[in-house]
Amino acid sequence: MKKIVSAIAILLSIGAAACGQPPNPLIGTWKAVPSPGATTVGYCASPIVFTSTTQTLTWPGQQPWPPEKVNYIAAQTSTYPTTVYVTGNTSANHQTYQFSSKNSMVLDDAGLCHYQRQ
């Protein structure tokens, strides 16, 4: 009986790991690009660098900010369009990224900054 319970526990833990958080399409370096129909980029952080636990923003005319610890919430990433939410240390600090493809996204805020993967 112990062997059966152990086998079931192992199978459940493997299944839970396989069903965990989907791959994060944000990881990498992103550069701001003009929105469709525009010729210039608005006031957008660029580049933005995402790792599995941090984001680093560089605002126009400034040095890169120190990396900020973040959490990612990706509903699904196997099809596009999709959305990834980024939260900081508080729930008040969050951003929403809308992906039209794996290499193109928009920061869904007042600036509607468009980005391409580098």
C-alpha atoms as a PDB file:
ATOM      1  CA  MET A   1       0.000   0.000   0.000  1.00  0.00           C
ATOM      2  CA  LYS A   2       2.853   2.389   0.814  1.00  0.00           C
ATOM      3  CA  LYS A   3       4.296   1.826  -2.674  1.00  0.00           C
ATOM      4  CA  ILE A   4       0.989   2.751  -4.304  1.00  0.00           C
ATOM      5  CA  VAL A   5       0.655   5.915  -2.195  1.00  0.00           C
ATOM      6  CA  SER A   6       4.275   6.871  -2.993  1.00  0.00           C
ATOM      7  CA  ALA A   7       3.721   6.305  -6.719  1.00  0.00           C
ATOM      8  CA  ILE A   8       0.562   8.420  -6.675  1.00  0.00           C
ATOM      9  CA  ALA A   9       2.382  11.220  -4.811  1.00  0.00           C
ATOM     10  CA  ILE A  10       5.208  11.192  -7.359  1.00  0.00           C
ATOM     11  CA  LEU A  11       2.773  11.291 -10.285  1.00  0.00           C
ATOM     12  CA  LEU A  12       0.849  14.182  -8.722  1.00  0.00           C
ATOM     13  CA  SER A  13       4.024  16.207  -8.130  1.00  0.00           C
ATOM     14  CA  ILE A  14       5.176  15.620 -11.728  1.00  0.00           C
ATOM     15  CA  GLY A  15       1.746  16.654 -13.013  1.00  0.00           C
ATOM     16  CA  ALA A  16       1.748  19.799 -10.873  1.00  0.00           C
ATOM     17  CA  ALA A  17       5.184  20.788 -12.158  1.00  0.00           C
ATOM     18  CA  ALA A  18       4.113  20.198 -15.750  1.00  0.00           C
ATOM     19  CA  CYS A  19       0.991  22.322 -15.261  1.00  0.00           C
ATOM     20  CA  GLY A  20       2.838  25.180 -13.548  1.00  0.00           C
ATOM     21  CA  GLN A  21       3.315  28.731 -14.765  1.00  0.00           C
ATOM     22  CA  PRO A  22       3.496  28.918 -18.576  1.00  0.00           C
ATOM     23  CA  PRO A  23       6.715  30.176 -20.214  1.00  0.00           C
ATOM     24  CA  ASN A  24       7.204  33.907 -19.769  1.00  0.00           C
ATOM     25  CA  PRO A  25       7.269  35.694 -23.156  1.00  0.00           C
ATOM     26  CA  LEU A  26       8.631  38.875 -21.535  1.00  0.00           C
ATOM     27  CA  ILE A  27      12.067  37.450 -20.679  1.00  0.00           C
ATOM     28  CA  GLY A  28      14.677  39.190 -22.795  1.00  0.00           C
ATOM     29  CA  THR A  29      15.442  42.711 -24.010  1.00  0.00           C
ATOM     30  CA  TRP A  30      12.798  44.964 -25.558  1.00  0.00           C
ATOM     31  CA  LYS A  31      13.209  48.193 -27.528  1.00  0.00           C
ATOM     32  CA  ALA A  32      10.510  50.867 -27.917  1.00  0.00           C
ATOM     33  CA  VAL A  33       9.330  51.346 -31.505  1.00  0.00           C
ATOM     34  CA  PRO A  34       6.873  53.796 -33.084  1.00  0.00           C
ATOM     35  CA  SER A  35       3.239  52.772 -32.841  1.00  0.00           C
ATOM     36  CA  PRO A  36       1.515  51.881 -36.122  1.00  0.00           C
ATOM     37  CA  GLY A  37       1.154  54.994 -38.274  1.00  0.00           C
ATOM     38  CA  ALA A  38       3.663  57.010 -36.186  1.00  0.00           C
ATOM     39  CA  THR A  39       7.240  57.944 -37.061  1.00  0.00           C
ATOM     40  CA  THR A  40       8.558  58.654 -33.560  1.00  0.00           C
ATOM     41  CA  VAL A  41       8.531  56.910 -30.203  1.00  0.00           C
ATOM     42  CA  GLY A  42       6.789  58.647 -27.325  1.00  0.00           C
ATOM     43  CA  TYR A  43       8.215  58.904 -23.819  1.00  0.00           C
ATOM     44  CA  CYS A  44       8.801  55.187 -23.261  1.00  0.00           C
ATOM     45  CA  ALA A  45      11.358  53.255 -21.248  1.00  0.00           C
ATOM     46  CA  SER A  46      13.804  51.684 -23.683  1.00  0.00           C
ATOM     47  CA  PRO A  47      15.376  49.258 -23.474  1.00  0.00           C
ATOM     48  CA  ILE A  48      13.515  47.169 -20.919  1.00  0.00           C
ATOM     49  CA  VAL A  49      15.274  44.009 -19.790  1.00  0.00           C
ATOM     50  CA  PHE A  50      13.324  41.197 -18.137  1.00  0.00           C
ATOM     51  CA  THR A  51      14.802  38.201 -16.340  1.00  0.00           C
ATOM     52  CA  SER A  52      12.825  35.491 -14.567  1.00  0.00           C
ATOM     53  CA  THR A  53      12.693  37.647 -11.396  1.00  0.00           C
ATOM     54  CA  THR A  54      13.568  41.256 -12.323  1.00  0.00           C
ATOM     55  CA  GLN A  55      12.931  44.098 -14.742  1.00  0.00           C
ATOM     56  CA  THR A  56      15.376  46.877 -15.578  1.00  0.00           C
ATOM     57  CA  LEU A  57      14.016  50.086 -17.099  1.00  0.00           C
ATOM     58  CA  THR A  58      15.993  52.762 -18.929  1.00  0.00           C
ATOM     59  CA  TRP A  59      14.118  56.037 -19.423  1.00  0.00           C
ATOM     60  CA  PRO A  60      15.102  58.482 -22.201  1.00  0.00           C
ATOM     61  CA  GLY A  61      18.173  60.517 -21.235  1.00  0.00           C
ATOM     62  CA  GLN A  62      18.810  58.523 -18.040  1.00  0.00           C
ATOM     63  CA  GLN A  63      20.998  55.664 -16.865  1.00  0.00           C
ATOM     64  CA  PRO A  64      19.256  52.309 -16.373  1.00  0.00           C
ATOM     65  CA  TRP A  65      17.344  52.096 -13.110  1.00  0.00           C
ATOM     66  CA  PRO A  66      18.495  49.389 -10.705  1.00  0.00           C
ATOM     67  CA  PRO A  67      16.809  46.047 -11.390  1.00  0.00           C
ATOM     68  CA  GLU A  68      13.439  45.762  -9.624  1.00  0.00           C
ATOM     69  CA  LYS A  69      12.182  42.427  -8.306  1.00  0.00           C
ATOM     70  CA  VAL A  70       8.950  41.486 -10.044  1.00  0.00           C
ATOM     71  CA  ASN A  71       6.475  38.640 -10.376  1.00  0.00           C
ATOM     72  CA  TYR A  72       4.874  37.554 -13.625  1.00  0.00           C
ATOM     73  CA  ILE A  73       1.331  36.361 -14.187  1.00  0.00           C
ATOM     74  CA  ALA A  74       0.822  34.896 -17.642  1.00  0.00           C
ATOM     75  CA  ALA A  75      -2.633  33.488 -18.314  1.00  0.00           C
ATOM     76  CA  GLN A  76      -1.529  31.508 -21.362  1.00  0.00           C
ATOM     77  CA  THR A  77       1.354  31.928 -23.752  1.00  0.00           C
ATOM     78  CA  SER A  78       0.888  29.261 -26.390  1.00  0.00           C
ATOM     79  CA  THR A  79      -1.300  31.437 -28.627  1.00  0.00           C
ATOM     80  CA  TYR A  80      -1.396  35.131 -29.477  1.00  0.00           C
ATOM     81  CA  PRO A  81      -2.724  37.640 -28.674  1.00  0.00           C
ATOM     82  CA  THR A  82      -1.972  37.118 -24.996  1.00  0.00           C
ATOM     83  CA  THR A  83      -1.407  39.174 -21.851  1.00  0.00           C
ATOM     84  CA  VAL A  84       1.283  39.132 -19.166  1.00  0.00           C
ATOM     85  CA  TYR A  85       0.863  41.025 -15.916  1.00  0.00           C
ATOM     86  CA  VAL A  86       3.923  42.207 -13.995  1.00  0.00           C
ATOM     87  CA  THR A  87       3.653  43.002 -10.303  1.00  0.00           C
ATOM     88  CA  GLY A  88       6.222  44.512  -7.979  1.00  0.00           C
ATOM     89  CA  ASN A  89       6.391  44.371  -4.216  1.00  0.00           C
ATOM     90  CA  THR A  90       2.874  45.799  -3.832  1.00  0.00           C
ATOM     91  CA  SER A  91      -0.329  45.189  -5.740  1.00  0.00           C
ATOM     92  CA  ALA A  92      -0.469  48.921  -6.521  1.00  0.00           C
ATOM     93  CA  ASN A  93       2.702  48.502  -8.593  1.00  0.00           C
ATOM     94  CA  HIS A  94       1.657  46.570 -11.684  1.00  0.00           C
ATOM     95  CA  GLN A  95       1.900  46.727 -15.463  1.00  0.00           C
ATOM     96  CA  THR A  96       0.007  44.970 -18.228  1.00  0.00           C
ATOM     97  CA  TYR A  97       1.739  43.883 -21.429  1.00  0.00           C
ATOM     98  CA  GLN A  98      -0.414  42.929 -24.440  1.00  0.00           C
ATOM     99  CA  PHE A  99       1.331  40.648 -26.963  1.00  0.00           C
ATOM    100  CA  SER A 100       0.260  40.460 -30.596  1.00  0.00           C
ATOM    101  CA  SER A 101       3.103  37.982 -31.294  1.00  0.00           C
ATOM    102  CA  LYS A 102       6.070  36.572 -29.389  1.00  0.00           C
ATOM    103  CA  ASN A 103       8.225  39.499 -30.583  1.00  0.00           C
ATOM    104  CA  SER A 104       5.778  42.407 -30.405  1.00  0.00           C
ATOM    105  CA  MET A 105       3.986  43.896 -27.388  1.00  0.00           C
ATOM    106  CA  VAL A 106       2.325  47.044 -26.063  1.00  0.00           C
ATOM    107  CA  LEU A 107       2.590  48.362 -22.508  1.00  0.00           C
ATOM    108  CA  ASP A 108      -1.082  48.899 -21.706  1.00  0.00           C
ATOM    109  CA  ASP A 109      -0.904  52.256 -19.916  1.00  0.00           C
ATOM    110  CA  ALA A 110      -1.517  55.897 -20.820  1.00  0.00           C
ATOM    111  CA  GLY A 111       1.569  55.991 -23.080  1.00  0.00           C
ATOM    112  CA  LEU A 112       0.665  52.818 -25.010  1.00  0.00           C
ATOM    113  CA  CYS A 113       4.357  52.199 -25.692  1.00  0.00           C
ATOM    114  CA  HIS A 114       5.041  49.640 -28.441  1.00  0.00           C
ATOM    115  CA  TYR A 115       8.013  47.275 -28.141  1.00  0.00           C
ATOM    116  CA  GLN A 116       9.918  44.800 -30.298  1.00  0.00           C
ATOM    117  CA  ARG A 117      12.098  41.995 -28.959  1.00  0.00           C
ATOM    118  CA  GLN A 118      15.820  42.608 -29.482  1.00  0.00           C
END
